[in-house]
N, C-alpha and C. Protein backbone atom coordinates (compact mmCIF):
# COMPACT_ATOMS: atom_id res chain seq x y z
N MET A 1 -1.11 -9.42 1.93
CA MET A 1 -2.43 -9.36 1.34
C MET A 1 -3.21 -8.16 1.90
N TYR A 2 -3.05 -7.92 3.19
CA TYR A 2 -3.76 -6.80 3.82
C TYR A 2 -3.40 -5.49 3.14
N LEU A 3 -2.14 -5.26 2.87
CA LEU A 3 -1.72 -4.00 2.25
C LEU A 3 -2.25 -3.89 0.82
N HIS A 4 -2.29 -4.98 0.10
CA HIS A 4 -2.82 -4.96 -1.27
C HIS A 4 -4.30 -4.58 -1.26
N GLN A 5 -5.04 -5.11 -0.33
CA GLN A 5 -6.48 -4.86 -0.27
C GLN A 5 -6.83 -3.48 0.28
N ASN A 6 -5.92 -2.88 1.01
CA ASN A 6 -6.23 -1.62 1.68
C ASN A 6 -5.29 -0.48 1.30
N CYS A 7 -4.55 -0.63 0.22
CA CYS A 7 -3.49 0.33 -0.08
C CYS A 7 -4.00 1.75 -0.35
N PHE A 8 -5.27 1.90 -0.75
CA PHE A 8 -5.78 3.24 -1.03
C PHE A 8 -6.50 3.86 0.16
N ARG A 9 -6.58 3.14 1.24
CA ARG A 9 -7.17 3.70 2.45
C ARG A 9 -6.08 4.42 3.24
N PRO A 10 -6.48 5.36 4.09
CA PRO A 10 -5.47 5.97 4.96
C PRO A 10 -4.91 4.88 5.88
N ILE A 11 -3.66 4.59 5.75
CA ILE A 11 -3.08 3.49 6.50
C ILE A 11 -1.70 3.90 7.00
N THR A 12 -1.40 3.49 8.19
CA THR A 12 -0.08 3.75 8.79
C THR A 12 0.51 2.42 9.24
N LEU A 13 1.75 2.46 9.60
CA LEU A 13 2.40 1.27 10.13
C LEU A 13 1.64 0.77 11.35
N LEU A 14 1.20 1.68 12.20
CA LEU A 14 0.47 1.31 13.41
C LEU A 14 -0.86 0.64 13.07
N THR A 15 -1.65 1.23 12.18
CA THR A 15 -2.96 0.64 11.86
C THR A 15 -2.81 -0.71 11.17
N ALA A 16 -1.82 -0.84 10.31
CA ALA A 16 -1.59 -2.12 9.64
C ALA A 16 -1.13 -3.17 10.65
N ALA A 17 -0.24 -2.79 11.54
CA ALA A 17 0.25 -3.73 12.55
C ALA A 17 -0.88 -4.19 13.46
N GLU A 18 -1.74 -3.27 13.85
CA GLU A 18 -2.89 -3.64 14.69
C GLU A 18 -3.82 -4.59 13.95
N ALA A 19 -4.08 -4.32 12.68
CA ALA A 19 -4.96 -5.19 11.89
C ALA A 19 -4.36 -6.58 11.72
N LEU A 20 -3.05 -6.65 11.66
CA LEU A 20 -2.37 -7.94 11.49
C LEU A 20 -1.97 -8.58 12.81
N GLU A 21 -2.36 -7.93 13.91
CA GLU A 21 -2.11 -8.41 15.27
C GLU A 21 -0.63 -8.68 15.51
N MET A 22 0.18 -7.67 15.20
CA MET A 22 1.61 -7.73 15.49
C MET A 22 2.06 -6.33 15.88
N SER A 23 3.27 -6.24 16.37
CA SER A 23 3.79 -4.94 16.76
C SER A 23 4.28 -4.18 15.52
N GLN A 24 4.41 -2.88 15.68
CA GLN A 24 4.95 -2.06 14.59
C GLN A 24 6.35 -2.53 14.23
N TYR A 25 7.12 -2.85 15.25
CA TYR A 25 8.49 -3.32 15.04
C TYR A 25 8.50 -4.60 14.20
N GLN A 26 7.63 -5.54 14.55
CA GLN A 26 7.58 -6.80 13.81
C GLN A 26 7.20 -6.58 12.35
N LEU A 27 6.20 -5.74 12.11
CA LEU A 27 5.77 -5.48 10.75
C LEU A 27 6.85 -4.76 9.96
N SER A 28 7.48 -3.79 10.56
CA SER A 28 8.55 -3.07 9.89
C SER A 28 9.69 -4.01 9.53
N ARG A 29 10.07 -4.85 10.45
CA ARG A 29 11.15 -5.80 10.22
C ARG A 29 10.76 -6.81 9.14
N LEU A 30 9.52 -7.28 9.17
CA LEU A 30 9.03 -8.22 8.17
C LEU A 30 9.09 -7.61 6.77
N CYS A 31 8.64 -6.37 6.64
CA CYS A 31 8.70 -5.68 5.34
C CYS A 31 10.14 -5.61 4.84
N ASN A 32 11.02 -5.18 5.69
CA ASN A 32 12.43 -5.04 5.29
C ASN A 32 13.05 -6.38 4.90
N GLN A 33 12.74 -7.43 5.65
CA GLN A 33 13.34 -8.74 5.39
C GLN A 33 12.71 -9.43 4.19
N GLN A 34 11.39 -9.43 4.11
CA GLN A 34 10.70 -10.20 3.08
C GLN A 34 10.52 -9.45 1.76
N ILE A 35 10.39 -8.14 1.83
CA ILE A 35 10.12 -7.35 0.62
C ILE A 35 11.34 -6.58 0.18
N GLY A 36 12.21 -6.29 1.12
CA GLY A 36 13.42 -5.56 0.79
C GLY A 36 13.26 -4.06 0.77
N MET A 37 12.17 -3.57 1.34
CA MET A 37 11.96 -2.12 1.46
C MET A 37 11.12 -1.85 2.69
N GLY A 38 11.15 -0.62 3.14
CA GLY A 38 10.39 -0.23 4.32
C GLY A 38 8.90 -0.20 4.05
N PHE A 39 8.13 -0.14 5.11
CA PHE A 39 6.68 -0.15 5.03
C PHE A 39 6.14 0.96 4.14
N ASN A 40 6.55 2.20 4.40
CA ASN A 40 6.04 3.34 3.63
C ASN A 40 6.44 3.26 2.16
N ALA A 41 7.65 2.83 1.88
CA ALA A 41 8.10 2.69 0.49
C ALA A 41 7.27 1.62 -0.22
N TYR A 42 6.99 0.52 0.47
CA TYR A 42 6.20 -0.54 -0.14
C TYR A 42 4.76 -0.09 -0.38
N LEU A 43 4.19 0.64 0.55
CA LEU A 43 2.83 1.15 0.39
C LEU A 43 2.76 2.10 -0.81
N LYS A 44 3.74 2.97 -0.95
CA LYS A 44 3.79 3.87 -2.12
C LYS A 44 3.92 3.07 -3.41
N PHE A 45 4.76 2.04 -3.40
CA PHE A 45 4.94 1.18 -4.56
C PHE A 45 3.61 0.53 -4.96
N LEU A 46 2.86 0.02 -3.98
CA LEU A 46 1.57 -0.60 -4.27
C LEU A 46 0.59 0.40 -4.88
N ARG A 47 0.56 1.60 -4.33
CA ARG A 47 -0.36 2.63 -4.82
C ARG A 47 -0.01 3.04 -6.24
N ILE A 48 1.25 3.22 -6.52
CA ILE A 48 1.68 3.61 -7.87
C ILE A 48 1.40 2.49 -8.87
N THR A 49 1.67 1.26 -8.48
CA THR A 49 1.41 0.12 -9.35
C THR A 49 -0.08 0.01 -9.68
N ALA A 50 -0.93 0.18 -8.68
CA ALA A 50 -2.38 0.11 -8.90
C ALA A 50 -2.85 1.25 -9.80
N ALA A 51 -2.31 2.44 -9.60
CA ALA A 51 -2.68 3.59 -10.44
C ALA A 51 -2.24 3.37 -11.88
N LYS A 52 -1.05 2.83 -12.08
CA LYS A 52 -0.57 2.55 -13.44
C LYS A 52 -1.47 1.51 -14.12
N ARG A 53 -1.89 0.53 -13.37
CA ARG A 53 -2.78 -0.50 -13.91
C ARG A 53 -4.10 0.13 -14.35
N LEU A 54 -4.64 1.04 -13.56
CA LEU A 54 -5.89 1.71 -13.92
C LEU A 54 -5.70 2.61 -15.14
N LEU A 55 -4.57 3.26 -15.25
CA LEU A 55 -4.31 4.11 -16.42
C LEU A 55 -4.30 3.29 -17.70
N VAL A 56 -3.78 2.09 -17.63
CA VAL A 56 -3.69 1.23 -18.81
C VAL A 56 -5.01 0.54 -19.12
N SER A 57 -5.74 0.14 -18.11
CA SER A 57 -6.91 -0.70 -18.32
C SER A 57 -8.24 0.04 -18.34
N THR A 58 -8.23 1.35 -18.06
CA THR A 58 -9.46 2.14 -18.11
C THR A 58 -9.22 3.40 -18.93
N ASP A 59 -10.26 4.14 -19.15
CA ASP A 59 -10.10 5.42 -19.83
C ASP A 59 -10.05 6.58 -18.84
N TRP A 60 -9.84 6.27 -17.58
CA TRP A 60 -9.76 7.28 -16.53
C TRP A 60 -8.47 8.08 -16.67
N GLY A 61 -8.53 9.33 -16.29
CA GLY A 61 -7.35 10.18 -16.24
C GLY A 61 -6.73 10.13 -14.85
N ILE A 62 -5.59 10.76 -14.72
CA ILE A 62 -4.86 10.75 -13.45
C ILE A 62 -5.69 11.37 -12.33
N THR A 63 -6.37 12.48 -12.63
CA THR A 63 -7.19 13.14 -11.61
C THR A 63 -8.31 12.23 -11.13
N GLN A 64 -8.96 11.56 -12.05
CA GLN A 64 -10.06 10.66 -11.66
C GLN A 64 -9.52 9.48 -10.85
N ILE A 65 -8.40 8.93 -11.23
CA ILE A 65 -7.82 7.81 -10.48
C ILE A 65 -7.44 8.24 -9.08
N SER A 66 -6.80 9.39 -8.97
CA SER A 66 -6.34 9.83 -7.65
C SER A 66 -7.50 10.20 -6.73
N SER A 67 -8.60 10.69 -7.27
CA SER A 67 -9.72 11.06 -6.43
C SER A 67 -10.66 9.90 -6.15
N SER A 68 -10.63 8.88 -6.98
CA SER A 68 -11.55 7.74 -6.77
C SER A 68 -11.02 6.78 -5.74
N GLN A 69 -9.76 6.81 -5.48
CA GLN A 69 -9.17 5.85 -4.55
C GLN A 69 -9.23 6.45 -3.19
């Protein structure tokens, strides 16, 4: 849930792990086990999915979406 809510903020494995009160190793392992992809790949997936949703549901262009997030 944390990644979904913060996916457009500057976020790293370290900052996410600190926010979730776990180690970087634990978060990385959790992503790989539960999601089936690494932290950075999942974060990119979330960002792309959110951008695609905005492209479909608004009249915003790619430039506006990328700069508004």
